Each structure stands twice: as structure tokens, then as C-alpha cells.
Amino acid sequence: MISFRTLSCAAVSASLLMFAAGCSPAPTTETADAQPAETTNTDTMSSDDSSSSYQSVDQVVSYGVGHNMAMSIVRQGGLEVDLEAFTAGFKEGLAGNPPAIPEADLQAAFAEVQTRAQAAAAEAAAASSAVSDAYLESNKAKPGITTTESGLQYEVITAGTGAKPTAENTVEVHYHGTLVDGTVFDSSVDRGETIEFPVTGVIQGWVEALQLMSVGDKWRLTVPPALGYGDRATGAIPAGSVLIFEVELISIK
């Protein structure tokens, strides 16, 4: 499991890349490349919010890096940040000074926080899995739901008459993905553009479903955690989550 020290470095790098690409985290599927805004002065940033105190590029990126580091720590869990200590360490690092705390003490503290984070993650995954199991049990009893041997559940919304893809094919699809509470975590429909990918280049629930579908089909897939992201959190998707997709198979490439 990644350490908080490594996490912070990764968060800084990711933050810089994110802001260079257009201040938006990359979605889980391909989107059009972000276009940089034109400006007449590379040292300042225009903003619709005239009250913002962060005007220069360095100020805006510095704020973004700090915000993303904090969000990464919150997602990881297990640490109550002491802002005074954090600021002191950050200033020392920027100055190029060695840490004021012995390396052995730092490593022991990081290990303790990792243990806390792992315990919190395991507890969250167990709670999410219980919700997922109950949802799957209830959903499979609904009219029109087919459950495969693997546990994948699907409902045919629109029946197509075209060919079925194989594992060797690339497909074009439209989809809308939500959690069981209705939270949208990814949607080509919302982005207004279809997406193409190899049949085997996605989560196992999709790999199975796509090879059962015909071109023109629109299905609602209910994907158990074991066929999705399992007991690991991924972006906006909590560990142990059931994933619900409306998938329309547009074409086979």
C-alpha cells in the first residue's frame, strides 16, 4: 500500500498535470483533449470570480496542489492533519532543509497511520459489501432480470438484431454508470459522445455482457463487486460497490 509520503508526492505531480490539462481530473474513459485558455499575460489568470485572491498562475496552481493533496489525504483516511506541523514541514521542504524529526520516527509514524487507514478501509469495504449483497439479492427477484452463472445481472431495455462481438473485437458503446444510490460516476451519455474500446479492455462484468449483446441492444447491467472493482475504491466508486450501467451497443469495429 502506498505510503503517505509517496502519496503526497504523487498528489503534487498529479495536481500539476491536472491543472496543465485544463483543471479537470481525467475521467475513467477517453474524452476530447482539453484546450488551454488564451491569455495575454502568462503570469496572471482570468477568472469570472473577481473576488478571488489567487490571480497569478503560480498562486492558482499552488492552491490546486494544496487542495488535491488534502483531498488525497482525506480519501486515504487514518490521519488527522495538524496544520501547524504540516506547514512547518512544508516550509522546511521548500527551503531544502532536512526534516527536523528523525527518519526512524517518521517511518514509525507513517506505518501507524497506514495501519489506521487499512483498518478504516476494511471497515468501509465490509459495510459497502453488505449493502451490495442486499441490493443484488433484491434486484435478481425483479421481473425481467436475468442472472448469469458469474452473478452478473442484466435487463434488456431495447433488443437489437445485429451481430454479437467476440473477445477479439473493438466496440462502440454509449453508457451511463451509477451506484445503487443513484450517484453518477461516469457517463458517455452525459459527455455527449460514444466511446470505443476493446471488449477485453474493461471490467469483467462488461467483458461478459458485451459478448452476450447484439448490436442495437440496450441493456441495464447490475455488476457485482467481484466483476467490477472488488474491494478497492476507484475514483468516486467506494470499495465493494455494485455498479449499474445502461449500455447501448452501437457497433462492432
C-alpha atoms as a PDB file:
ATOM      1  CA  MET A   1       0.000   0.000   0.000  1.00  0.00           C
ATOM      2  CA  ILE A   2       1.343   3.414  -0.933  1.00  0.00           C
ATOM      3  CA  SER A   3       2.790   5.470   1.911  1.00  0.00           C
ATOM      4  CA  PHE A   4       1.554   8.937   2.799  1.00  0.00           C
ATOM      5  CA  ARG A   5       4.916  10.329   1.837  1.00  0.00           C
ATOM      6  CA  THR A   6       4.695   8.769  -1.602  1.00  0.00           C
ATOM      7  CA  LEU A   7       1.025   9.715  -1.786  1.00  0.00           C
ATOM      8  CA  SER A   8       1.857  13.360  -1.212  1.00  0.00           C
ATOM      9  CA  CYS A   9       4.486  13.348  -3.969  1.00  0.00           C
ATOM     10  CA  ALA A  10       2.085  11.593  -6.306  1.00  0.00           C
ATOM     11  CA  ALA A  11      -0.634  14.090  -5.446  1.00  0.00           C
ATOM     12  CA  VAL A  12       1.671  17.011  -6.284  1.00  0.00           C
ATOM     13  CA  SER A  13       2.622  15.505  -9.643  1.00  0.00           C
ATOM     14  CA  ALA A  14      -0.968  14.584 -10.450  1.00  0.00           C
ATOM     15  CA  SER A  15      -2.107  18.054  -9.455  1.00  0.00           C
ATOM     16  CA  LEU A  16       0.366  19.759 -11.735  1.00  0.00           C
ATOM     17  CA  LEU A  17      -0.586  17.523 -14.649  1.00  0.00           C
ATOM     18  CA  MET A  18      -4.266  18.047 -13.921  1.00  0.00           C
ATOM     19  CA  PHE A  19      -4.006  21.808 -13.989  1.00  0.00           C
ATOM     20  CA  ALA A  20      -1.812  21.758 -17.086  1.00  0.00           C
ATOM     21  CA  ALA A  21      -4.506  19.707 -18.831  1.00  0.00           C
ATOM     22  CA  GLY A  22      -7.320  22.072 -18.005  1.00  0.00           C
ATOM     23  CA  CYS A  23      -8.140  21.947 -14.276  1.00  0.00           C
ATOM     24  CA  SER A  24     -10.254  18.813 -14.567  1.00  0.00           C
ATOM     25  CA  PRO A  25      -9.431  15.300 -13.350  1.00  0.00           C
ATOM     26  CA  ALA A  26      -9.304  12.730 -16.120  1.00  0.00           C
ATOM     27  CA  PRO A  27     -12.455  10.618 -16.331  1.00  0.00           C
ATOM     28  CA  THR A  28     -12.281   6.834 -16.464  1.00  0.00           C
ATOM     29  CA  THR A  29     -12.872   6.908 -20.211  1.00  0.00           C
ATOM     30  CA  GLU A  30     -11.443   8.883 -23.082  1.00  0.00           C
ATOM     31  CA  THR A  31     -12.576  12.455 -23.630  1.00  0.00           C
ATOM     32  CA  ALA A  32     -11.583  15.189 -26.011  1.00  0.00           C
ATOM     33  CA  ASP A  33      -8.297  16.901 -25.159  1.00  0.00           C
ATOM     34  CA  ALA A  34      -8.738  19.996 -23.038  1.00  0.00           C
ATOM     35  CA  GLN A  35      -7.885  23.221 -24.845  1.00  0.00           C
ATOM     36  CA  PRO A  36      -5.778  25.775 -22.953  1.00  0.00           C
ATOM     37  CA  ALA A  37      -7.377  29.150 -22.444  1.00  0.00           C
ATOM     38  CA  GLU A  38      -5.814  32.041 -24.333  1.00  0.00           C
ATOM     39  CA  THR A  39      -4.312  34.756 -22.168  1.00  0.00           C
ATOM     40  CA  THR A  40      -2.369  37.896 -22.860  1.00  0.00           C
ATOM     41  CA  ASN A  41      -0.208  37.540 -19.757  1.00  0.00           C
ATOM     42  CA  THR A  42       1.248  34.201 -18.686  1.00  0.00           C
ATOM     43  CA  ASP A  43       1.723  35.454 -15.127  1.00  0.00           C
ATOM     44  CA  THR A  44      -1.943  36.081 -14.460  1.00  0.00           C
ATOM     45  CA  MET A  45      -5.151  34.096 -14.717  1.00  0.00           C
ATOM     46  CA  SER A  46      -8.503  35.491 -15.741  1.00  0.00           C
ATOM     47  CA  SER A  47     -11.450  34.494 -13.577  1.00  0.00           C
ATOM     48  CA  ASP A  48     -15.164  35.054 -13.516  1.00  0.00           C
ATOM     49  CA  ASP A  49     -14.825  35.482  -9.761  1.00  0.00           C
ATOM     50  CA  SER A  50     -13.304  38.934  -9.367  1.00  0.00           C
ATOM     51  CA  SER A  51     -13.126  38.468  -5.586  1.00  0.00           C
ATOM     52  CA  SER A  52     -10.579  35.638  -5.874  1.00  0.00           C
ATOM     53  CA  SER A  53      -7.305  36.414  -4.112  1.00  0.00           C
ATOM     54  CA  TYR A  54      -5.409  33.982  -6.336  1.00  0.00           C
ATOM     55  CA  GLN A  55      -4.622  35.721  -9.607  1.00  0.00           C
ATOM     56  CA  SER A  56      -1.224  34.549 -10.867  1.00  0.00           C
ATOM     57  CA  VAL A  57      -0.623  31.141 -12.435  1.00  0.00           C
ATOM     58  CA  ASP A  58       1.678  30.194  -9.546  1.00  0.00           C
ATOM     59  CA  GLN A  59      -0.989  31.157  -6.990  1.00  0.00           C
ATOM     60  CA  VAL A  60      -3.722  29.201  -8.750  1.00  0.00           C
ATOM     61  CA  VAL A  61      -1.588  26.082  -9.198  1.00  0.00           C
ATOM     62  CA  SER A  62      -0.284  26.341  -5.629  1.00  0.00           C
ATOM     63  CA  TYR A  63      -3.867  26.416  -4.356  1.00  0.00           C
ATOM     64  CA  GLY A  64      -4.793  23.479  -6.590  1.00  0.00           C
ATOM     65  CA  VAL A  65      -1.833  21.389  -5.444  1.00  0.00           C
ATOM     66  CA  GLY A  66      -2.658  22.046  -1.809  1.00  0.00           C
ATOM     67  CA  HIS A  67      -6.335  21.238  -2.314  1.00  0.00           C
ATOM     68  CA  ASN A  68      -5.606  17.996  -4.164  1.00  0.00           C
ATOM     69  CA  MET A  69      -3.051  16.887  -1.577  1.00  0.00           C
ATOM     70  CA  ALA A  70      -5.640  17.472   1.145  1.00  0.00           C
ATOM     71  CA  MET A  71      -8.332  15.559  -0.769  1.00  0.00           C
ATOM     72  CA  SER A  72      -5.926  12.646  -1.265  1.00  0.00           C
ATOM     73  CA  ILE A  73      -5.218  12.520   2.458  1.00  0.00           C
ATOM     74  CA  VAL A  74      -8.946  12.639   3.252  1.00  0.00           C
ATOM     75  CA  ARG A  75      -9.655   9.787   0.818  1.00  0.00           C
ATOM     76  CA  GLN A  76      -6.795   7.714   2.235  1.00  0.00           C
ATOM     77  CA  GLY A  77      -8.056   8.245   5.783  1.00  0.00           C
ATOM     78  CA  GLY A  78      -6.325   7.469   9.074  1.00  0.00           C
ATOM     79  CA  LEU A  79      -4.761  10.894   9.610  1.00  0.00           C
ATOM     80  CA  GLU A  80      -5.978  13.996  11.423  1.00  0.00           C
ATOM     81  CA  VAL A  81      -3.803  16.687   9.881  1.00  0.00           C
ATOM     82  CA  ASP A  82      -2.090  19.123  12.256  1.00  0.00           C
ATOM     83  CA  LEU A  83      -1.903  22.256  10.090  1.00  0.00           C
ATOM     84  CA  GLU A  84       0.871  23.837  12.165  1.00  0.00           C
ATOM     85  CA  ALA A  85       3.095  20.766  11.802  1.00  0.00           C
ATOM     86  CA  PHE A  86       2.130  20.349   8.143  1.00  0.00           C
ATOM     87  CA  THR A  87       3.022  23.979   7.353  1.00  0.00           C
ATOM     88  CA  ALA A  88       6.337  23.718   9.212  1.00  0.00           C
ATOM     89  CA  GLY A  89       7.311  20.566   7.324  1.00  0.00           C
ATOM     90  CA  PHE A  90       6.215  22.048   4.007  1.00  0.00           C
ATOM     91  CA  LYS A  91       8.285  25.191   4.562  1.00  0.00           C
ATOM     92  CA  GLU A  92      11.338  23.160   5.565  1.00  0.00           C
ATOM     93  CA  GLY A  93      10.972  21.051   2.447  1.00  0.00           C
ATOM     94  CA  LEU A  94      10.653  24.076   0.166  1.00  0.00           C
ATOM     95  CA  ALA A  95      13.785  25.521   1.779  1.00  0.00           C
ATOM     96  CA  GLY A  96      15.658  22.295   1.062  1.00  0.00           C
ATOM     97  CA  ASN A  97      16.301  21.631   4.743  1.00  0.00           C
ATOM     98  CA  PRO A  98      16.417  18.099   6.182  1.00  0.00           C
ATOM     99  CA  PRO A  99      13.446  17.047   8.348  1.00  0.00           C
ATOM    100  CA  ALA A 100      13.557  18.108  11.983  1.00  0.00           C
ATOM    101  CA  ILE A 101      12.206  14.702  13.042  1.00  0.00           C
ATOM    102  CA  PRO A 102      14.496  11.618  12.935  1.00  0.00           C
ATOM    103  CA  GLU A 103      13.885   9.327   9.970  1.00  0.00           C
ATOM    104  CA  ALA A 104      13.123   6.336  12.207  1.00  0.00           C
ATOM    105  CA  ASP A 105      10.381   8.308  13.986  1.00  0.00           C
ATOM    106  CA  LEU A 106       8.918   9.428  10.670  1.00  0.00           C
ATOM    107  CA  GLN A 107       8.820   5.870   9.364  1.00  0.00           C
ATOM    108  CA  ALA A 108       7.173   4.573  12.542  1.00  0.00           C
ATOM    109  CA  ALA A 109       4.528   7.304  12.404  1.00  0.00           C
ATOM    110  CA  PHE A 110       3.788   6.668   8.731  1.00  0.00           C
ATOM    111  CA  ALA A 111       3.442   2.949   9.460  1.00  0.00           C
ATOM    112  CA  GLU A 112       0.959   3.655  12.251  1.00  0.00           C
ATOM    113  CA  VAL A 113      -1.147   5.907  10.021  1.00  0.00           C
ATOM    114  CA  GLN A 114      -1.105   3.263   7.286  1.00  0.00           C
ATOM    115  CA  THR A 115      -2.397   0.697   9.775  1.00  0.00           C
ATOM    116  CA  ARG A 116      -5.233   3.045  10.715  1.00  0.00           C
ATOM    117  CA  ALA A 117      -6.046   3.684   7.048  1.00  0.00           C
ATOM    118  CA  GLN A 118      -6.106  -0.030   6.259  1.00  0.00           C
ATOM    119  CA  ALA A 119      -8.437  -0.714   9.184  1.00  0.00           C
ATOM    120  CA  ALA A 120     -10.767   2.108   8.115  1.00  0.00           C
ATOM    121  CA  ALA A 121     -10.747   0.884   4.501  1.00  0.00           C
ATOM    122  CA  ALA A 122     -11.545  -2.684   5.557  1.00  0.00           C
ATOM    123  CA  GLU A 123     -14.438  -1.482   7.712  1.00  0.00           C
ATOM    124  CA  ALA A 124     -15.819   0.665   4.882  1.00  0.00           C
ATOM    125  CA  ALA A 125     -15.476  -2.187   2.371  1.00  0.00           C
ATOM    126  CA  ALA A 126     -17.319  -4.583   4.690  1.00  0.00           C
ATOM    127  CA  ALA A 127     -20.187  -2.119   5.147  1.00  0.00           C
ATOM    128  CA  SER A 128     -20.372  -1.472   1.399  1.00  0.00           C
ATOM    129  CA  SER A 129     -20.305  -5.198   0.632  1.00  0.00           C
ATOM    130  CA  ALA A 130     -23.257  -5.785   2.966  1.00  0.00           C
ATOM    131  CA  VAL A 131     -25.260  -3.127   1.107  1.00  0.00           C
ATOM    132  CA  SER A 132     -24.197  -4.630  -2.231  1.00  0.00           C
ATOM    133  CA  ASP A 133     -25.234  -8.167  -1.234  1.00  0.00           C
ATOM    134  CA  ALA A 134     -28.662  -6.979  -0.133  1.00  0.00           C
ATOM    135  CA  TYR A 135     -29.166  -4.990  -3.339  1.00  0.00           C
ATOM    136  CA  LEU A 136     -28.156  -7.889  -5.589  1.00  0.00           C
ATOM    137  CA  GLU A 137     -30.447 -10.293  -3.741  1.00  0.00           C
ATOM    138  CA  SER A 138     -33.375  -7.912  -4.099  1.00  0.00           C
ATOM    139  CA  ASN A 139     -32.672  -6.963  -7.703  1.00  0.00           C
ATOM    140  CA  LYS A 140     -32.434 -10.502  -9.054  1.00  0.00           C
ATOM    141  CA  ALA A 141     -36.020 -11.190  -7.958  1.00  0.00           C
ATOM    142  CA  LYS A 142     -37.401  -8.373 -10.112  1.00  0.00           C
ATOM    143  CA  PRO A 143     -39.285  -9.242 -13.343  1.00  0.00           C
ATOM    144  CA  GLY A 144     -37.109  -9.171 -16.462  1.00  0.00           C
ATOM    145  CA  ILE A 145     -33.815  -9.648 -14.635  1.00  0.00           C
ATOM    146  CA  THR A 146     -31.501 -12.410 -15.867  1.00  0.00           C
ATOM    147  CA  THR A 147     -28.667 -13.560 -13.599  1.00  0.00           C
ATOM    148  CA  THR A 148     -25.724 -15.353 -15.199  1.00  0.00           C
ATOM    149  CA  GLU A 149     -23.584 -18.043 -13.578  1.00  0.00           C
ATOM    150  CA  SER A 150     -20.959 -15.440 -12.673  1.00  0.00           C
ATOM    151  CA  GLY A 151     -23.524 -13.338 -10.799  1.00  0.00           C
ATOM    152  CA  LEU A 152     -23.900 -10.635 -13.460  1.00  0.00           C
ATOM    153  CA  GLN A 153     -27.468  -9.353 -13.668  1.00  0.00           C
ATOM    154  CA  TYR A 154     -28.960  -7.736 -16.759  1.00  0.00           C
ATOM    155  CA  GLU A 155     -32.257  -6.452 -18.089  1.00  0.00           C
ATOM    156  CA  VAL A 156     -32.995  -5.938 -21.784  1.00  0.00           C
ATOM    157  CA  ILE A 157     -34.309  -2.410 -22.346  1.00  0.00           C
ATOM    158  CA  THR A 158     -34.162  -2.482 -26.159  1.00  0.00           C
ATOM    159  CA  ALA A 159     -33.495  -5.622 -28.216  1.00  0.00           C
ATOM    160  CA  GLY A 160     -31.158  -5.303 -31.181  1.00  0.00           C
ATOM    161  CA  THR A 161     -30.791  -7.629 -34.150  1.00  0.00           C
ATOM    162  CA  GLY A 162     -27.146  -7.148 -35.108  1.00  0.00           C
ATOM    163  CA  ALA A 163     -24.065  -9.290 -34.652  1.00  0.00           C
ATOM    164  CA  LYS A 164     -22.531 -10.189 -31.298  1.00  0.00           C
ATOM    165  CA  PRO A 165     -18.950  -9.074 -30.564  1.00  0.00           C
ATOM    166  CA  THR A 166     -16.199 -11.516 -29.597  1.00  0.00           C
ATOM    167  CA  ALA A 167     -13.244 -11.069 -27.278  1.00  0.00           C
ATOM    168  CA  GLU A 168     -11.125 -10.052 -30.274  1.00  0.00           C
ATOM    169  CA  ASN A 169     -13.373  -7.142 -31.283  1.00  0.00           C
ATOM    170  CA  THR A 170     -13.440  -3.441 -30.510  1.00  0.00           C
ATOM    171  CA  VAL A 171     -16.879  -1.987 -29.834  1.00  0.00           C
ATOM    172  CA  GLU A 172     -18.559   1.405 -29.860  1.00  0.00           C
ATOM    173  CA  VAL A 173     -20.966   1.989 -26.978  1.00  0.00           C
ATOM    174  CA  HIS A 174     -22.983   4.591 -25.153  1.00  0.00           C
ATOM    175  CA  TYR A 175     -23.337   4.110 -21.399  1.00  0.00           C
ATOM    176  CA  HIS A 176     -24.436   5.703 -18.129  1.00  0.00           C
ATOM    177  CA  GLY A 177     -22.963   4.398 -14.860  1.00  0.00           C
ATOM    178  CA  THR A 178     -24.381   4.879 -11.370  1.00  0.00           C
ATOM    179  CA  LEU A 179     -24.064   3.492  -7.868  1.00  0.00           C
ATOM    180  CA  VAL A 180     -27.054   1.895  -6.148  1.00  0.00           C
ATOM    181  CA  ASP A 181     -27.945   5.255  -4.550  1.00  0.00           C
ATOM    182  CA  GLY A 182     -28.159   6.889  -7.988  1.00  0.00           C
ATOM    183  CA  THR A 183     -24.810   8.683  -7.852  1.00  0.00           C
ATOM    184  CA  VAL A 184     -23.426   9.054 -11.392  1.00  0.00           C
ATOM    185  CA  PHE A 185     -19.739   8.108 -11.518  1.00  0.00           C
ATOM    186  CA  ASP A 186     -19.214   8.010 -15.292  1.00  0.00           C
ATOM    187  CA  SER A 187     -21.363   8.598 -18.369  1.00  0.00           C
ATOM    188  CA  SER A 188     -20.641   8.863 -22.073  1.00  0.00           C
ATOM    189  CA  VAL A 189     -24.274   9.975 -22.394  1.00  0.00           C
ATOM    190  CA  ASP A 190     -23.625  12.997 -20.188  1.00  0.00           C
ATOM    191  CA  ARG A 191     -20.488  13.790 -22.186  1.00  0.00           C
ATOM    192  CA  GLY A 192     -22.494  13.562 -25.401  1.00  0.00           C
ATOM    193  CA  GLU A 193     -20.139  11.207 -27.232  1.00  0.00           C
ATOM    194  CA  THR A 194     -19.851   7.458 -27.682  1.00  0.00           C
ATOM    195  CA  ILE A 195     -16.660   5.600 -26.825  1.00  0.00           C
ATOM    196  CA  GLU A 196     -14.701   2.775 -28.438  1.00  0.00           C
ATOM    197  CA  PHE A 197     -12.582   0.167 -26.641  1.00  0.00           C
ATOM    198  CA  PRO A 198     -11.533  -3.498 -26.921  1.00  0.00           C
ATOM    199  CA  VAL A 199     -14.082  -5.932 -25.499  1.00  0.00           C
ATOM    200  CA  THR A 200     -11.465  -7.273 -23.083  1.00  0.00           C
ATOM    201  CA  GLY A 201     -10.228  -3.819 -22.085  1.00  0.00           C
ATOM    202  CA  VAL A 202     -12.881  -3.174 -19.422  1.00  0.00           C
ATOM    203  CA  ILE A 203     -14.124  -4.635 -16.127  1.00  0.00           C
ATOM    204  CA  GLN A 204     -15.072  -8.324 -16.170  1.00  0.00           C
ATOM    205  CA  GLY A 205     -18.794  -7.636 -15.918  1.00  0.00           C
ATOM    206  CA  TRP A 206     -18.640  -5.676 -19.166  1.00  0.00           C
ATOM    207  CA  VAL A 207     -16.447  -8.274 -20.879  1.00  0.00           C
ATOM    208  CA  GLU A 208     -19.108 -10.894 -20.182  1.00  0.00           C
ATOM    209  CA  ALA A 209     -22.101  -8.717 -21.040  1.00  0.00           C
ATOM    210  CA  LEU A 210     -20.740  -7.344 -24.307  1.00  0.00           C
ATOM    211  CA  GLN A 211     -20.279 -10.841 -25.725  1.00  0.00           C
ATOM    212  CA  LEU A 212     -23.920 -11.621 -24.912  1.00  0.00           C
ATOM    213  CA  MET A 213     -25.268  -8.454 -26.535  1.00  0.00           C
ATOM    214  CA  SER A 214     -26.189  -7.800 -30.166  1.00  0.00           C
ATOM    215  CA  VAL A 215     -25.601  -4.543 -31.995  1.00  0.00           C
ATOM    216  CA  GLY A 216     -28.632  -2.359 -31.276  1.00  0.00           C
ATOM    217  CA  ASP A 217     -29.157  -3.829 -27.799  1.00  0.00           C
ATOM    218  CA  LYS A 218     -29.577  -1.523 -24.832  1.00  0.00           C
ATOM    219  CA  TRP A 219     -29.232  -3.330 -21.517  1.00  0.00           C
ATOM    220  CA  ARG A 220     -29.197  -2.378 -17.878  1.00  0.00           C
ATOM    221  CA  LEU A 221     -26.281  -4.178 -16.231  1.00  0.00           C
ATOM    222  CA  THR A 222     -26.038  -4.744 -12.491  1.00  0.00           C
ATOM    223  CA  VAL A 223     -22.407  -5.636 -11.859  1.00  0.00           C
ATOM    224  CA  PRO A 224     -21.410  -7.302  -8.552  1.00  0.00           C
ATOM    225  CA  PRO A 225     -18.208  -6.043  -6.904  1.00  0.00           C
ATOM    226  CA  ALA A 226     -16.370  -9.244  -7.898  1.00  0.00           C
ATOM    227  CA  LEU A 227     -16.983  -8.404 -11.564  1.00  0.00           C
ATOM    228  CA  GLY A 228     -16.225  -4.706 -11.095  1.00  0.00           C
ATOM    229  CA  TYR A 229     -13.581  -3.131  -8.866  1.00  0.00           C
ATOM    230  CA  GLY A 230     -13.827  -5.555  -5.961  1.00  0.00           C
ATOM    231  CA  ASP A 231     -12.826  -4.343  -2.511  1.00  0.00           C
ATOM    232  CA  ARG A 232     -10.793  -1.382  -3.703  1.00  0.00           C
ATOM    233  CA  ALA A 233     -12.054   2.167  -4.063  1.00  0.00           C
ATOM    234  CA  THR A 234     -11.665   3.618  -7.550  1.00  0.00           C
ATOM    235  CA  GLY A 235     -12.206   7.335  -8.051  1.00  0.00           C
ATOM    236  CA  ALA A 236     -15.775   8.122  -6.973  1.00  0.00           C
ATOM    237  CA  ILE A 237     -16.586   4.421  -6.585  1.00  0.00           C
ATOM    238  CA  PRO A 238     -16.353   3.138  -2.981  1.00  0.00           C
ATOM    239  CA  ALA A 239     -14.831  -0.258  -2.272  1.00  0.00           C
ATOM    240  CA  GLY A 240     -17.238  -3.189  -2.559  1.00  0.00           C
ATOM    241  CA  SER A 241     -19.730  -1.320  -4.741  1.00  0.00           C
ATOM    242  CA  VAL A 242     -22.369  -2.706  -7.082  1.00  0.00           C
ATOM    243  CA  LEU A 243     -22.163  -0.846 -10.405  1.00  0.00           C
ATOM    244  CA  ILE A 244     -25.258  -0.168 -12.502  1.00  0.00           C
ATOM    245  CA  PHE A 245     -24.855   0.643 -16.193  1.00  0.00           C
ATOM    246  CA  GLU A 246     -27.239   1.348 -19.005  1.00  0.00           C
ATOM    247  CA  VAL A 247     -25.238   0.183 -22.025  1.00  0.00           C
ATOM    248  CA  GLU A 248     -26.148   0.581 -25.687  1.00  0.00           C
ATOM    249  CA  LEU A 249     -24.043  -1.408 -28.157  1.00  0.00           C
ATOM    250  CA  ILE A 250     -23.718   0.879 -31.173  1.00  0.00           C
ATOM    251  CA  SER A 251     -21.355  -1.028 -33.454  1.00  0.00           C
ATOM    252  CA  ILE A 252     -18.542  -3.564 -33.733  1.00  0.00           C
ATOM    253  CA  LYS A 253     -15.245  -2.394 -35.202  1.00  0.00           C
END
